[in-house]
Amino acid sequence: MATRTVRIGSSHGLHARPAKLFAQAAKDAGTPVTIAKGDGKPVNAASILGVIALGIDQGDEVTLAAEGDGAEGVLDSLEQLLLTDHDAE
């Protein structure tokens, strides 16, 4: 299992639009991915409701975990999504 800790870049955190982009990318990755806020319980990263329920704000650290072939590549692309300030676009 590959893991990665990422600090959230979106100025308003993972509200509906950035959460949707992230959850869709996690779903399209084709490998199981989880996201957890701090030391909290991980949720399915492909679930927009699960991601929004974590209440992730700008600057919060989250831990991503992925399994399977290409897990590091999946985490690389998801990390870039989380580092981007989608509210500035």
Protein backbone atom coordinates (compact mmCIF):
# COMPACT_ATOMS: atom_id res chain seq x y z
CA MET A 1 0.00 0.00 0.00
CA ALA A 2 1.31 3.43 -0.96
CA THR A 3 0.55 6.44 1.25
CA ARG A 4 1.06 10.17 0.94
CA THR A 5 0.47 13.14 3.25
CA VAL A 6 -0.70 16.28 1.48
CA ARG A 7 -1.54 19.82 2.66
CA ILE A 8 -4.73 21.20 1.04
CA GLY A 9 -4.17 24.14 -1.32
CA SER A 10 -7.71 25.26 -2.18
CA SER A 11 -8.41 28.52 -0.36
CA HIS A 12 -11.85 27.28 0.74
CA GLY A 13 -10.84 23.66 1.37
CA LEU A 14 -12.55 20.67 -0.20
CA HIS A 15 -16.03 22.10 -0.62
CA ALA A 16 -18.38 20.83 -3.34
CA ARG A 17 -16.51 21.69 -6.57
CA PRO A 18 -12.95 20.66 -5.59
CA ALA A 19 -14.33 17.63 -3.72
CA LYS A 20 -16.18 16.58 -6.86
CA LEU A 21 -13.03 16.94 -9.00
CA PHE A 22 -11.02 14.94 -6.47
CA ALA A 23 -13.62 12.19 -5.98
CA GLN A 24 -14.07 11.79 -9.75
CA ALA A 25 -10.31 11.50 -10.26
CA ALA A 26 -10.11 8.92 -7.47
CA LYS A 27 -12.95 6.95 -9.06
CA ASP A 28 -11.33 7.11 -12.50
CA ALA A 29 -7.99 5.91 -11.08
CA GLY A 30 -9.14 2.30 -11.22
CA THR A 31 -7.53 1.41 -7.90
CA PRO A 32 -8.92 1.67 -4.35
CA VAL A 33 -7.99 5.02 -2.76
CA THR A 34 -8.79 6.35 0.71
CA ILE A 35 -8.44 9.80 2.24
CA ALA A 36 -8.23 10.68 5.94
CA LYS A 37 -8.03 14.04 7.70
CA GLY A 38 -5.29 14.10 10.31
CA ASP A 39 -5.44 10.91 12.36
CA GLY A 40 -9.10 10.37 11.52
CA LYS A 41 -10.80 7.38 9.98
CA PRO A 42 -10.14 6.95 6.24
CA VAL A 43 -13.03 7.16 3.79
CA ASN A 44 -13.40 6.07 0.19
CA ALA A 45 -11.82 8.88 -1.86
CA ALA A 46 -14.23 8.16 -4.74
CA SER A 47 -17.21 9.13 -2.54
CA ILE A 48 -17.93 12.86 -2.85
CA LEU A 49 -20.16 12.73 0.23
CA GLY A 50 -17.45 10.96 2.21
CA VAL A 51 -14.86 13.54 1.17
CA ILE A 52 -17.10 16.53 1.97
CA ALA A 53 -18.06 14.98 5.34
CA LEU A 54 -14.40 15.14 6.43
CA GLY A 55 -14.68 18.94 6.60
CA ILE A 56 -11.28 19.55 5.06
CA ASP A 57 -10.13 23.20 5.10
CA GLN A 58 -7.22 24.99 3.44
CA GLY A 59 -3.95 24.03 5.08
CA ASP A 60 -5.30 20.81 6.60
CA GLU A 61 -3.16 17.74 6.14
CA VAL A 62 -4.74 14.63 4.70
CA THR A 63 -3.37 11.16 4.17
CA LEU A 64 -4.02 9.39 0.90
CA ALA A 65 -3.59 5.63 0.53
CA ALA A 66 -3.83 3.54 -2.63
CA GLU A 67 -3.40 -0.14 -3.40
CA GLY A 68 -2.52 -2.03 -6.52
CA ASP A 69 -0.45 -1.53 -9.64
CA GLY A 70 0.37 2.09 -10.33
CA ALA A 71 -0.57 3.24 -6.81
CA GLU A 72 2.29 5.77 -6.68
CA GLY A 73 1.23 7.30 -9.99
CA VAL A 74 -2.36 7.56 -8.78
CA LEU A 75 -1.21 9.31 -5.62
CA ASP A 76 0.97 11.68 -7.68
CA SER A 77 -2.02 12.86 -9.74
CA LEU A 78 -4.37 13.10 -6.73
CA GLU A 79 -1.73 15.02 -4.77
CA GLN A 80 -1.52 17.61 -7.56
CA LEU A 81 -5.32 18.06 -7.44
CA LEU A 82 -5.19 18.66 -3.68
CA LEU A 83 -2.30 21.12 -3.90
CA THR A 84 -4.04 23.24 -6.54
CA ASP A 85 -6.14 26.21 -5.42
CA HIS A 86 -9.30 25.43 -7.39
CA ASP A 87 -10.95 28.53 -5.93
CA ALA A 88 -8.44 30.79 -7.69
CA GLU A 89 -9.34 29.49 -11.15
